[in-house]
Amino acid sequence: GAGDGFAVGMISALLENHSFADAVKRANWVGSRAVQSRGDMEGL
């Protein structure tokens, strides 16, 4: 689910008109949060 979290961060930030670089920052953070919880989407 880490890659899915990355996609959540990217898409949400870009739809909110953030820059691509800032979207990647959010994507990395959401992905890092996902790997700290048991389950595929529980950490989102």
PDB file of all heavy atoms in Angstrom:
ATOM      1  N   GLY A   1       0.787  -1.223   0.000  1.00  0.00           N
ATOM      2  CA  GLY A   1       0.000   0.000   0.000  1.00  0.00           C
ATOM      3  C   GLY A   1       0.817   1.270   0.000  1.00  0.00           C
ATOM      4  O   GLY A   1       0.256   2.369  -0.109  1.00  0.00           O
ATOM      5  N   ALA A   2       2.149   1.156   0.097  1.00  0.00           N
ATOM      6  CA  ALA A   2       2.977   2.365   0.112  1.00  0.00           C
ATOM      7  C   ALA A   2       2.848   3.135  -1.199  1.00  0.00           C
ATOM      8  O   ALA A   2       2.736   4.365  -1.213  1.00  0.00           O
ATOM      9  CB  ALA A   2       4.436   1.997   0.367  1.00  0.00           C
ATOM     10  N   GLY A   3       2.867   2.413  -2.327  1.00  0.00           N
ATOM     11  CA  GLY A   3       2.734   3.082  -3.616  1.00  0.00           C
ATOM     12  C   GLY A   3       1.372   3.714  -3.801  1.00  0.00           C
ATOM     13  O   GLY A   3       1.246   4.764  -4.451  1.00  0.00           O
ATOM     14  N   ASP A   4       0.340   3.103  -3.224  1.00  0.00           N
ATOM     15  CA  ASP A   4      -0.989   3.694  -3.294  1.00  0.00           C
ATOM     16  C   ASP A   4      -1.032   4.990  -2.491  1.00  0.00           C
ATOM     17  O   ASP A   4      -1.658   5.974  -2.904  1.00  0.00           O
ATOM     18  CB  ASP A   4      -2.028   2.712  -2.760  1.00  0.00           C
ATOM     19  CG  ASP A   4      -1.984   1.376  -3.488  1.00  0.00           C
ATOM     20  OD1 ASP A   4      -1.612   1.360  -4.685  1.00  0.00           O
ATOM     21  OD2 ASP A   4      -2.299   0.342  -2.860  1.00  0.00           O
ATOM     22  N   GLY A   5      -0.378   4.985  -1.334  1.00  0.00           N
ATOM     23  CA  GLY A   5      -0.285   6.213  -0.552  1.00  0.00           C
ATOM     24  C   GLY A   5       0.430   7.306  -1.317  1.00  0.00           C
ATOM     25  O   GLY A   5       0.040   8.484  -1.272  1.00  0.00           O
ATOM     26  N   PHE A   6       1.491   6.928  -2.044  1.00  0.00           N
ATOM     27  CA  PHE A   6       2.211   7.897  -2.870  1.00  0.00           C
ATOM     28  C   PHE A   6       1.256   8.520  -3.886  1.00  0.00           C
ATOM     29  O   PHE A   6       1.243   9.749  -4.075  1.00  0.00           O
ATOM     30  CB  PHE A   6       3.362   7.190  -3.582  1.00  0.00           C
ATOM     31  CG  PHE A   6       4.262   8.108  -4.371  1.00  0.00           C
ATOM     32  CD1 PHE A   6       5.395   8.658  -3.781  1.00  0.00           C
ATOM     33  CD2 PHE A   6       3.981   8.417  -5.693  1.00  0.00           C
ATOM     34  CE1 PHE A   6       6.231   9.503  -4.511  1.00  0.00           C
ATOM     35  CE2 PHE A   6       4.806   9.256  -6.422  1.00  0.00           C
ATOM     36  CZ  PHE A   6       5.937   9.804  -5.831  1.00  0.00           C
ATOM     37  N   ALA A   7       0.445   7.693  -4.530  1.00  0.00           N
ATOM     38  CA  ALA A   7      -0.501   8.210  -5.523  1.00  0.00           C
ATOM     39  C   ALA A   7      -1.513   9.155  -4.885  1.00  0.00           C
ATOM     40  O   ALA A   7      -1.871  10.194  -5.466  1.00  0.00           O
ATOM     41  CB  ALA A   7      -1.213   7.052  -6.213  1.00  0.00           C
ATOM     42  N   VAL A   8      -1.984   8.824  -3.687  1.00  0.00           N
ATOM     43  CA  VAL A   8      -2.922   9.702  -2.979  1.00  0.00           C
ATOM     44  C   VAL A   8      -2.312  11.080  -2.769  1.00  0.00           C
ATOM     45  O   VAL A   8      -2.952  12.115  -3.015  1.00  0.00           O
ATOM     46  CB  VAL A   8      -3.318   9.081  -1.623  1.00  0.00           C
ATOM     47  CG1 VAL A   8      -4.079  10.093  -0.760  1.00  0.00           C
ATOM     48  CG2 VAL A   8      -4.156   7.830  -1.834  1.00  0.00           C
ATOM     49  N   GLY A   9      -1.060  11.105  -2.304  1.00  0.00           N
ATOM     50  CA  GLY A   9      -0.401  12.391  -2.085  1.00  0.00           C
ATOM     51  C   GLY A   9      -0.222  13.182  -3.360  1.00  0.00           C
ATOM     52  O   GLY A   9      -0.478  14.406  -3.403  1.00  0.00           O
ATOM     53  N   MET A  10       0.218  12.515  -4.429  1.00  0.00           N
ATOM     54  CA  MET A  10       0.434  13.197  -5.707  1.00  0.00           C
ATOM     55  C   MET A  10      -0.858  13.796  -6.242  1.00  0.00           C
ATOM     56  O   MET A  10      -0.931  14.983  -6.575  1.00  0.00           O
ATOM     57  CB  MET A  10       1.000  12.212  -6.735  1.00  0.00           C
ATOM     58  CG  MET A  10       2.433  11.814  -6.544  1.00  0.00           C
ATOM     59  SD  MET A  10       3.623  13.173  -6.760  1.00  0.00           S
ATOM     60  CE  MET A  10       3.167  13.805  -8.355  1.00  0.00           C
ATOM     61  N   ILE A  11      -1.876  12.955  -6.361  1.00  0.00           N
ATOM     62  CA  ILE A  11      -3.124  13.395  -6.993  1.00  0.00           C
ATOM     63  C   ILE A  11      -3.780  14.506  -6.195  1.00  0.00           C
ATOM     64  O   ILE A  11      -4.217  15.528  -6.756  1.00  0.00           O
ATOM     65  CB  ILE A  11      -4.077  12.202  -7.153  1.00  0.00           C
ATOM     66  CG1 ILE A  11      -3.479  11.165  -8.107  1.00  0.00           C
ATOM     67  CG2 ILE A  11      -5.441  12.656  -7.662  1.00  0.00           C
ATOM     68  CD1 ILE A  11      -4.147   9.811  -8.046  1.00  0.00           C
ATOM     69  N   SER A  12      -3.854  14.335  -4.865  1.00  0.00           N
ATOM     70  CA  SER A  12      -4.517  15.352  -4.042  1.00  0.00           C
ATOM     71  C   SER A  12      -3.810  16.696  -4.153  1.00  0.00           C
ATOM     72  O   SER A  12      -4.459  17.747  -4.292  1.00  0.00           O
ATOM     73  CB  SER A  12      -4.570  14.895  -2.584  1.00  0.00           C
ATOM     74  OG  SER A  12      -3.264  14.734  -2.036  1.00  0.00           O
ATOM     75  N   ALA A  13      -2.488  16.685  -4.117  1.00  0.00           N
ATOM     76  CA  ALA A  13      -1.748  17.943  -4.183  1.00  0.00           C
ATOM     77  C   ALA A  13      -1.875  18.602  -5.554  1.00  0.00           C
ATOM     78  O   ALA A  13      -2.049  19.830  -5.660  1.00  0.00           O
ATOM     79  CB  ALA A  13      -0.282  17.698  -3.848  1.00  0.00           C
ATOM     80  N   LEU A  14      -1.797  17.824  -6.603  1.00  0.00           N
ATOM     81  CA  LEU A  14      -1.893  18.403  -7.944  1.00  0.00           C
ATOM     82  C   LEU A  14      -3.291  18.951  -8.214  1.00  0.00           C
ATOM     83  O   LEU A  14      -3.434  19.998  -8.871  1.00  0.00           O
ATOM     84  CB  LEU A  14      -1.513  17.356  -8.994  1.00  0.00           C
ATOM     85  CG  LEU A  14      -0.032  16.956  -9.000  1.00  0.00           C
ATOM     86  CD1 LEU A  14       0.208  15.784  -9.940  1.00  0.00           C
ATOM     87  CD2 LEU A  14       0.856  18.139  -9.385  1.00  0.00           C
ATOM     88  N   LEU A  15      -4.325  18.292  -7.715  1.00  0.00           N
ATOM     89  CA  LEU A  15      -5.681  18.817  -7.887  1.00  0.00           C
ATOM     90  C   LEU A  15      -5.912  20.075  -7.061  1.00  0.00           C
ATOM     91  O   LEU A  15      -6.848  20.834  -7.331  1.00  0.00           O
ATOM     92  CB  LEU A  15      -6.710  17.752  -7.520  1.00  0.00           C
ATOM     93  CG  LEU A  15      -6.783  16.541  -8.467  1.00  0.00           C
ATOM     94  CD1 LEU A  15      -7.860  15.567  -8.013  1.00  0.00           C
ATOM     95  CD2 LEU A  15      -7.035  16.977  -9.912  1.00  0.00           C
ATOM     96  N   GLU A  16      -5.057  20.285  -6.066  1.00  0.00           N
ATOM     97  CA  GLU A  16      -5.120  21.517  -5.275  1.00  0.00           C
ATOM     98  C   GLU A  16      -4.148  22.567  -5.796  1.00  0.00           C
ATOM     99  O   GLU A  16      -3.875  23.564  -5.128  1.00  0.00           O
ATOM    100  CB  GLU A  16      -4.828  21.194  -3.810  1.00  0.00           C
ATOM    101  CG  GLU A  16      -5.910  20.345  -3.163  1.00  0.00           C
ATOM    102  CD  GLU A  16      -5.483  19.728  -1.837  1.00  0.00           C
ATOM    103  OE1 GLU A  16      -4.384  20.083  -1.339  1.00  0.00           O
ATOM    104  OE2 GLU A  16      -6.228  18.891  -1.308  1.00  0.00           O
ATOM    105  N   ASN A  17      -3.603  22.317  -6.988  1.00  0.00           N
ATOM    106  CA  ASN A  17      -2.746  23.276  -7.708  1.00  0.00           C
ATOM    107  C   ASN A  17      -1.388  23.499  -7.052  1.00  0.00           C
ATOM    108  O   ASN A  17      -0.776  24.557  -7.229  1.00  0.00           O
ATOM    109  CB  ASN A  17      -3.470  24.621  -7.893  1.00  0.00           C
ATOM    110  CG  ASN A  17      -4.728  24.473  -8.726  1.00  0.00           C
ATOM    111  OD1 ASN A  17      -4.728  23.815  -9.760  1.00  0.00           O
ATOM    112  ND2 ASN A  17      -5.810  25.088  -8.269  1.00  0.00           N
ATOM    113  N   HIS A  18      -0.882  22.516  -6.315  1.00  0.00           N
ATOM    114  CA  HIS A  18       0.486  22.587  -5.824  1.00  0.00           C
ATOM    115  C   HIS A  18       1.446  22.298  -6.975  1.00  0.00           C
ATOM    116  O   HIS A  18       1.077  21.689  -7.983  1.00  0.00           O
ATOM    117  CB  HIS A  18       0.710  21.564  -4.709  1.00  0.00           C
ATOM    118  CG  HIS A  18      -0.007  21.898  -3.432  1.00  0.00           C
ATOM    119  ND1 HIS A  18       0.552  22.672  -2.441  1.00  0.00           N
ATOM    120  CD2 HIS A  18      -1.244  21.570  -2.991  1.00  0.00           C
ATOM    121  CE1 HIS A  18      -0.307  22.796  -1.443  1.00  0.00           C
ATOM    122  NE2 HIS A  18      -1.409  22.133  -1.760  1.00  0.00           N
ATOM    123  N   SER A  19       2.682  22.709  -6.828  1.00  0.00           N
ATOM    124  CA  SER A  19       3.690  22.389  -7.830  1.00  0.00           C
ATOM    125  C   SER A  19       3.960  20.899  -7.827  1.00  0.00           C
ATOM    126  O   SER A  19       3.658  20.196  -6.850  1.00  0.00           O
ATOM    127  CB  SER A  19       4.990  23.149  -7.536  1.00  0.00           C
ATOM    128  OG  SER A  19       5.610  22.623  -6.362  1.00  0.00           O
ATOM    129  N   PHE A  20       4.564  20.406  -8.913  1.00  0.00           N
ATOM    130  CA  PHE A  20       4.847  18.986  -8.973  1.00  0.00           C
ATOM    131  C   PHE A  20       5.844  18.587  -7.893  1.00  0.00           C
ATOM    132  O   PHE A  20       5.716  17.532  -7.277  1.00  0.00           O
ATOM    133  CB  PHE A  20       5.374  18.598 -10.361  1.00  0.00           C
ATOM    134  CG  PHE A  20       5.071  17.179 -10.739  1.00  0.00           C
ATOM    135  CD1 PHE A  20       3.795  16.814 -11.152  1.00  0.00           C
ATOM    136  CD2 PHE A  20       6.041  16.202 -10.669  1.00  0.00           C
ATOM    137  CE1 PHE A  20       3.505  15.497 -11.482  1.00  0.00           C
ATOM    138  CE2 PHE A  20       5.760  14.891 -11.003  1.00  0.00           C
ATOM    139  CZ  PHE A  20       4.482  14.533 -11.415  1.00  0.00           C
ATOM    140  N   ALA A  21       6.827  19.433  -7.642  1.00  0.00           N
ATOM    141  CA  ALA A  21       7.816  19.137  -6.600  1.00  0.00           C
ATOM    142  C   ALA A  21       7.149  19.030  -5.229  1.00  0.00           C
ATOM    143  O   ALA A  21       7.444  18.120  -4.446  1.00  0.00           O
ATOM    144  CB  ALA A  21       8.902  20.203  -6.584  1.00  0.00           C
ATOM    145  N   ASP A  22       6.244  19.955  -4.924  1.00  0.00           N
ATOM    146  CA  ASP A  22       5.556  19.904  -3.636  1.00  0.00           C
ATOM    147  C   ASP A  22       4.608  18.709  -3.563  1.00  0.00           C
ATOM    148  O   ASP A  22       4.402  18.135  -2.491  1.00  0.00           O
ATOM    149  CB  ASP A  22       4.778  21.204  -3.402  1.00  0.00           C
ATOM    150  CG  ASP A  22       5.686  22.362  -3.014  1.00  0.00           C
ATOM    151  OD1 ASP A  22       6.838  22.100  -2.617  1.00  0.00           O
ATOM    152  OD2 ASP A  22       5.251  23.522  -3.114  1.00  0.00           O
ATOM    153  N   ALA A  23       4.036  18.339  -4.708  1.00  0.00           N
ATOM    154  CA  ALA A  23       3.170  17.158  -4.730  1.00  0.00           C
ATOM    155  C   ALA A  23       3.965  15.901  -4.390  1.00  0.00           C
ATOM    156  O   ALA A  23       3.478  15.009  -3.677  1.00  0.00           O
ATOM    157  CB  ALA A  23       2.506  17.025  -6.096  1.00  0.00           C
ATOM    158  N   VAL A  24       5.195  15.815  -4.883  1.00  0.00           N
ATOM    159  CA  VAL A  24       6.036  14.657  -4.573  1.00  0.00           C
ATOM    160  C   VAL A  24       6.368  14.624  -3.080  1.00  0.00           C
ATOM    161  O   VAL A  24       6.415  13.549  -2.461  1.00  0.00           O
ATOM    162  CB  VAL A  24       7.320  14.665  -5.422  1.00  0.00           C
ATOM    163  CG1 VAL A  24       8.253  13.537  -5.004  1.00  0.00           C
ATOM    164  CG2 VAL A  24       6.977  14.530  -6.895  1.00  0.00           C
ATOM    165  N   LYS A  25       6.582  15.780  -2.487  1.00  0.00           N
ATOM    166  CA  LYS A  25       6.845  15.824  -1.043  1.00  0.00           C
ATOM    167  C   LYS A  25       5.662  15.251  -0.261  1.00  0.00           C
ATOM    168  O   LYS A  25       5.834  14.457   0.668  1.00  0.00           O
ATOM    169  CB  LYS A  25       7.128  17.264  -0.607  1.00  0.00           C
ATOM    170  CG  LYS A  25       8.412  17.842  -1.164  1.00  0.00           C
ATOM    171  CD  LYS A  25       8.562  19.313  -0.802  1.00  0.00           C
ATOM    172  CE  LYS A  25       9.819  19.899  -1.430  1.00  0.00           C
ATOM    173  NZ  LYS A  25       9.960  21.352  -1.171  1.00  0.00           N
ATOM    174  N   ARG A  26       4.459  15.678  -0.644  1.00  0.00           N
ATOM    175  CA  ARG A  26       3.280  15.139   0.035  1.00  0.00           C
ATOM    176  C   ARG A  26       3.155  13.641  -0.235  1.00  0.00           C
ATOM    177  O   ARG A  26       2.813  12.865   0.661  1.00  0.00           O
ATOM    178  CB  ARG A  26       2.008  15.859  -0.408  1.00  0.00           C
ATOM    179  CG  ARG A  26       0.762  15.342   0.315  1.00  0.00           C
ATOM    180  CD  ARG A  26      -0.527  15.909  -0.225  1.00  0.00           C
ATOM    181  NE  ARG A  26      -0.696  17.326   0.080  1.00  0.00           N
ATOM    182  CZ  ARG A  26      -1.816  18.003  -0.185  1.00  0.00           C
ATOM    183  NH1 ARG A  26      -2.851  17.371  -0.761  1.00  0.00           N
ATOM    184  NH2 ARG A  26      -1.915  19.284   0.106  1.00  0.00           N
ATOM    185  N   ALA A  27       3.424  13.235  -1.466  1.00  0.00           N
ATOM    186  CA  ALA A  27       3.318  11.827  -1.832  1.00  0.00           C
ATOM    187  C   ALA A  27       4.261  10.967  -0.998  1.00  0.00           C
ATOM    188  O   ALA A  27       3.885   9.889  -0.510  1.00  0.00           O
ATOM    189  CB  ALA A  27       3.612  11.650  -3.320  1.00  0.00           C
ATOM    190  N   ASN A  28       5.498  11.424  -0.843  1.00  0.00           N
ATOM    191  CA  ASN A  28       6.454  10.683  -0.021  1.00  0.00           C
ATOM    192  C   ASN A  28       5.956  10.551   1.414  1.00  0.00           C
ATOM    193  O   ASN A  28       6.103   9.502   2.049  1.00  0.00           O
ATOM    194  CB  ASN A  28       7.814  11.381  -0.031  1.00  0.00           C
ATOM    195  CG  ASN A  28       8.611  11.111  -1.285  1.00  0.00           C
ATOM    196  OD1 ASN A  28       8.284  10.233  -2.080  1.00  0.00           O
ATOM    197  ND2 ASN A  28       9.672  11.878  -1.481  1.00  0.00           N
ATOM    198  N   TRP A  29       5.378  11.638   1.932  1.00  0.00           N
ATOM    199  CA  TRP A  29       4.906  11.603   3.312  1.00  0.00           C
ATOM    200  C   TRP A  29       3.748  10.632   3.482  1.00  0.00           C
ATOM    201  O   TRP A  29       3.728   9.825   4.410  1.00  0.00           O
ATOM    202  CB  TRP A  29       4.481  12.998   3.781  1.00  0.00           C
ATOM    203  CG  TRP A  29       3.927  12.950   5.180  1.00  0.00           C
ATOM    204  CD1 TRP A  29       4.639  12.817   6.340  1.00  0.00           C
ATOM    205  CD2 TRP A  29       2.551  12.952   5.546  1.00  0.00           C
ATOM    206  NE1 TRP A  29       3.780  12.753   7.416  1.00  0.00           N
ATOM    207  CE2 TRP A  29       2.499  12.835   6.958  1.00  0.00           C
ATOM    208  CE3 TRP A  29       1.366  13.059   4.827  1.00  0.00           C
ATOM    209  CZ2 TRP A  29       1.292  12.815   7.649  1.00  0.00           C
ATOM    210  CZ3 TRP A  29       0.163  13.040   5.518  1.00  0.00           C
ATOM    211  CH2 TRP A  29       0.137  12.921   6.918  1.00  0.00           C
ATOM    212  N   VAL A  30       2.764  10.680   2.579  1.00  0.00           N
ATOM    213  CA  VAL A  30       1.625   9.773   2.696  1.00  0.00           C
ATOM    214  C   VAL A  30       2.104   8.323   2.555  1.00  0.00           C
ATOM    215  O   VAL A  30       1.667   7.437   3.286  1.00  0.00           O
ATOM    216  CB  VAL A  30       0.540  10.087   1.657  1.00  0.00           C
ATOM    217  CG1 VAL A  30      -0.617   9.088   1.779  1.00  0.00           C
ATOM    218  CG2 VAL A  30       0.015  11.512   1.839  1.00  0.00           C
ATOM    219  N   GLY A  31       3.031   8.081   1.635  1.00  0.00           N
ATOM    220  CA  GLY A  31       3.574   6.736   1.484  1.00  0.00           C
ATOM    221  C   GLY A  31       4.282   6.263   2.735  1.00  0.00           C
ATOM    222  O   GLY A  31       4.154   5.099   3.133  1.00  0.00           O
ATOM    223  N   SER A  32       5.023   7.165   3.379  1.00  0.00           N
ATOM    224  CA  SER A  32       5.734   6.789   4.611  1.00  0.00           C
ATOM    225  C   SER A  32       4.752   6.492   5.734  1.00  0.00           C
ATOM    226  O   SER A  32       4.993   5.628   6.585  1.00  0.00           O
ATOM    227  CB  SER A  32       6.686   7.918   5.036  1.00  0.00           C
ATOM    228  OG  SER A  32       5.977   9.018   5.582  1.00  0.00           O
ATOM    229  N   ARG A  33       3.645   7.176   5.750  1.00  0.00           N
ATOM    230  CA  ARG A  33       2.634   6.939   6.776  1.00  0.00           C
ATOM    231  C   ARG A  33       1.961   5.585   6.560  1.00  0.00           C
ATOM    232  O   ARG A  33       1.642   4.875   7.519  1.00  0.00           O
ATOM    233  CB  ARG A  33       1.593   8.058   6.748  1.00  0.00           C
ATOM    234  CG  ARG A  33       0.789   8.196   8.038  1.00  0.00           C
ATOM    235  CD  ARG A  33      -0.168   9.368   7.931  1.00  0.00           C
ATOM    236  NE  ARG A  33      -0.787   9.673   9.203  1.00  0.00           N
ATOM    237  CZ  ARG A  33      -1.824   9.012   9.733  1.00  0.00           C
ATOM    238  NH1 ARG A  33      -2.317   7.969   9.097  1.00  0.00           N
ATOM    239  NH2 ARG A  33      -2.336   9.378  10.889  1.00  0.00           N
ATOM    240  N   ALA A  34       1.783   5.228   5.286  1.00  0.00           N
ATOM    241  CA  ALA A  34       1.114   3.964   4.973  1.00  0.00           C
ATOM    242  C   ALA A  34       1.895   2.765   5.481  1.00  0.00           C
ATOM    243  O   ALA A  34       1.301   1.775   5.936  1.00  0.00           O
ATOM    244  CB  ALA A  34       0.896   3.851   3.465  1.00  0.00           C
ATOM    245  N   VAL A  35       3.233   2.818   5.430  1.00  0.00           N
ATOM    246  CA  VAL A  35       4.029   1.645   5.816  1.00  0.00           C
ATOM    247  C   VAL A  35       4.132   1.490   7.331  1.00  0.00           C
ATOM    248  O   VAL A  35       4.645   0.484   7.814  1.00  0.00           O
ATOM    249  CB  VAL A  35       5.455   1.692   5.216  1.00  0.00           C
ATOM    250  CG1 VAL A  35       5.398   1.812   3.702  1.00  0.00           C
ATOM    251  CG2 VAL A  35       6.276   2.836   5.809  1.00  0.00           C
ATOM    252  N   GLN A  36       3.626   2.460   8.065  1.00  0.00           N
ATOM    253  CA  GLN A  36       3.701   2.381   9.520  1.00  0.00           C
ATOM    254  C   GLN A  36       2.443   1.787  10.152  1.00  0.00           C
ATOM    255  O   GLN A  36       2.332   1.723  11.380  1.00  0.00           O
ATOM    256  CB  GLN A  36       3.955   3.774  10.108  1.00  0.00           C
ATOM    257  CG  GLN A  36       5.295   4.354   9.691  1.00  0.00           C
ATOM    258  CD  GLN A  36       5.526   5.746  10.255  1.00  0.00           C
ATOM    259  OE1 GLN A  36       5.780   5.902  11.448  1.00  0.00           O
ATOM    260  NE2 GLN A  36       5.432   6.759   9.404  1.00  0.00           N
ATOM    261  N   SER A  37       1.503   1.342   9.299  1.00  0.00           N
ATOM    262  CA  SER A  37       0.266   0.748   9.798  1.00  0.00           C
ATOM    263  C   SER A  37       0.059  -0.615   9.160  1.00  0.00           C
ATOM    264  O   SER A  37       0.414  -0.829   7.995  1.00  0.00           O
ATOM    265  CB  SER A  37      -0.937   1.648   9.470  1.00  0.00           C
ATOM    266  OG  SER A  37      -0.835   2.889  10.126  1.00  0.00           O
ATOM    267  N   ARG A  38      -0.523  -1.526   9.908  1.00  0.00           N
ATOM    268  CA  ARG A  38      -0.834  -2.833   9.363  1.00  0.00           C
ATOM    269  C   ARG A  38      -2.088  -2.718   8.495  1.00  0.00           C
ATOM    270  O   ARG A  38      -3.080  -2.122   8.880  1.00  0.00           O
ATOM    271  CB  ARG A  38      -1.064  -3.835  10.491  1.00  0.00           C
ATOM    272  CG  ARG A  38      -1.045  -5.285  10.016  1.00  0.00           C
ATOM    273  CD  ARG A  38      -1.118  -6.231  11.210  1.00  0.00           C
ATOM    274  NE  ARG A  38      -0.079  -5.974  12.181  1.00  0.00           N
ATOM    275  CZ  ARG A  38       1.195  -6.334  12.040  1.00  0.00           C
ATOM    276  NH1 ARG A  38       1.593  -6.959  10.940  1.00  0.00           N
ATOM    277  NH2 ARG A  38       2.079  -6.058  12.987  1.00  0.00           N
ATOM    278  N   GLY A  39      -2.026  -3.268   7.311  1.00  0.00           N
ATOM    279  CA  GLY A  39      -3.158  -3.167   6.396  1.00  0.00           C
ATOM    280  C   GLY A  39      -2.792  -2.347   5.183  1.00  0.00           C
ATOM    281  O   GLY A  39      -1.852  -1.544   5.201  1.00  0.00           O
ATOM    282  N   ASP A  40      -3.549  -2.526   4.100  1.00  0.00           N
ATOM    283  CA  ASP A  40      -3.222  -1.891   2.835  1.00  0.00           C
ATOM    284  C   ASP A  40      -3.573  -0.412   2.799  1.00  0.00           C
ATOM    285  O   ASP A  40      -2.936   0.367   2.101  1.00  0.00           O
ATOM    286  CB  ASP A  40      -3.953  -2.602   1.688  1.00  0.00           C
ATOM    287  CG  ASP A  40      -3.470  -4.034   1.504  1.00  0.00           C
ATOM    288  OD1 ASP A  40      -2.726  -4.518   2.370  1.00  0.00           O
ATOM    289  OD2 ASP A  40      -3.854  -4.657   0.506  1.00  0.00           O
ATOM    290  N   MET A  41      -4.628  -0.006   3.513  1.00  0.00           N
ATOM    291  CA  MET A  41      -5.053   1.399   3.431  1.00  0.00           C
ATOM    292  C   MET A  41      -5.342   2.018   4.792  1.00  0.00           C
ATOM    293  O   MET A  41      -5.724   3.174   4.879  1.00  0.00           O
ATOM    294  CB  MET A  41      -6.290   1.527   2.522  1.00  0.00           C
ATOM    295  CG  MET A  41      -7.461   0.633   2.865  1.00  0.00           C
ATOM    296  SD  MET A  41      -8.442   1.235   4.273  1.00  0.00           S
ATOM    297  CE  MET A  41      -9.799   0.080   4.291  1.00  0.00           C
ATOM    298  N   GLU A  42      -5.149   1.239   5.874  1.00  0.00           N
ATOM    299  CA  GLU A  42      -5.481   1.729   7.207  1.00  0.00           C
ATOM    300  C   GLU A  42      -4.653   2.952   7.606  1.00  0.00           C
ATOM    301  O   GLU A  42      -5.112   3.788   8.389  1.00  0.00           O
ATOM    302  CB  GLU A  42      -5.302   0.607   8.231  1.00  0.00           C
ATOM    303  CG  GLU A  42      -6.470  -0.371   8.279  1.00  0.00           C
ATOM    304  CD  GLU A  42      -6.559  -1.293   7.070  1.00  0.00           C
ATOM    305  OE1 GLU A  42      -5.629  -1.293   6.232  1.00  0.00           O
ATOM    306  OE2 GLU A  42      -7.557  -2.023   6.952  1.00  0.00           O
ATOM    307  N   GLY A  43      -3.429   3.085   7.085  1.00  0.00           N
ATOM    308  CA  GLY A  43      -2.580   4.209   7.475  1.00  0.00           C
ATOM    309  C   GLY A  43      -2.786   5.475   6.670  1.00  0.00           C
ATOM    310  O   GLY A  43      -2.147   6.500   6.951  1.00  0.00           O
ATOM    311  N   LEU A  44      -3.655   5.456   5.693  1.00  0.00           N
ATOM    312  CA  LEU A  44      -3.886   6.648   4.879  1.00  0.00           C
ATOM    313  C   LEU A  44      -4.540   7.726   5.739  1.00  0.00           C
ATOM    314  O   LEU A  44      -5.518   7.463   6.434  1.00  0.00           O
ATOM    315  CB  LEU A  44      -4.755   6.316   3.668  1.00  0.00           C
ATOM    316  CG  LEU A  44      -4.129   5.307   2.696  1.00  0.00           C
ATOM    317  CD1 LEU A  44      -5.123   4.937   1.606  1.00  0.00           C
ATOM    318  CD2 LEU A  44      -2.846   5.876   2.080  1.00  0.00           C
TER     319      LEU A  44
END
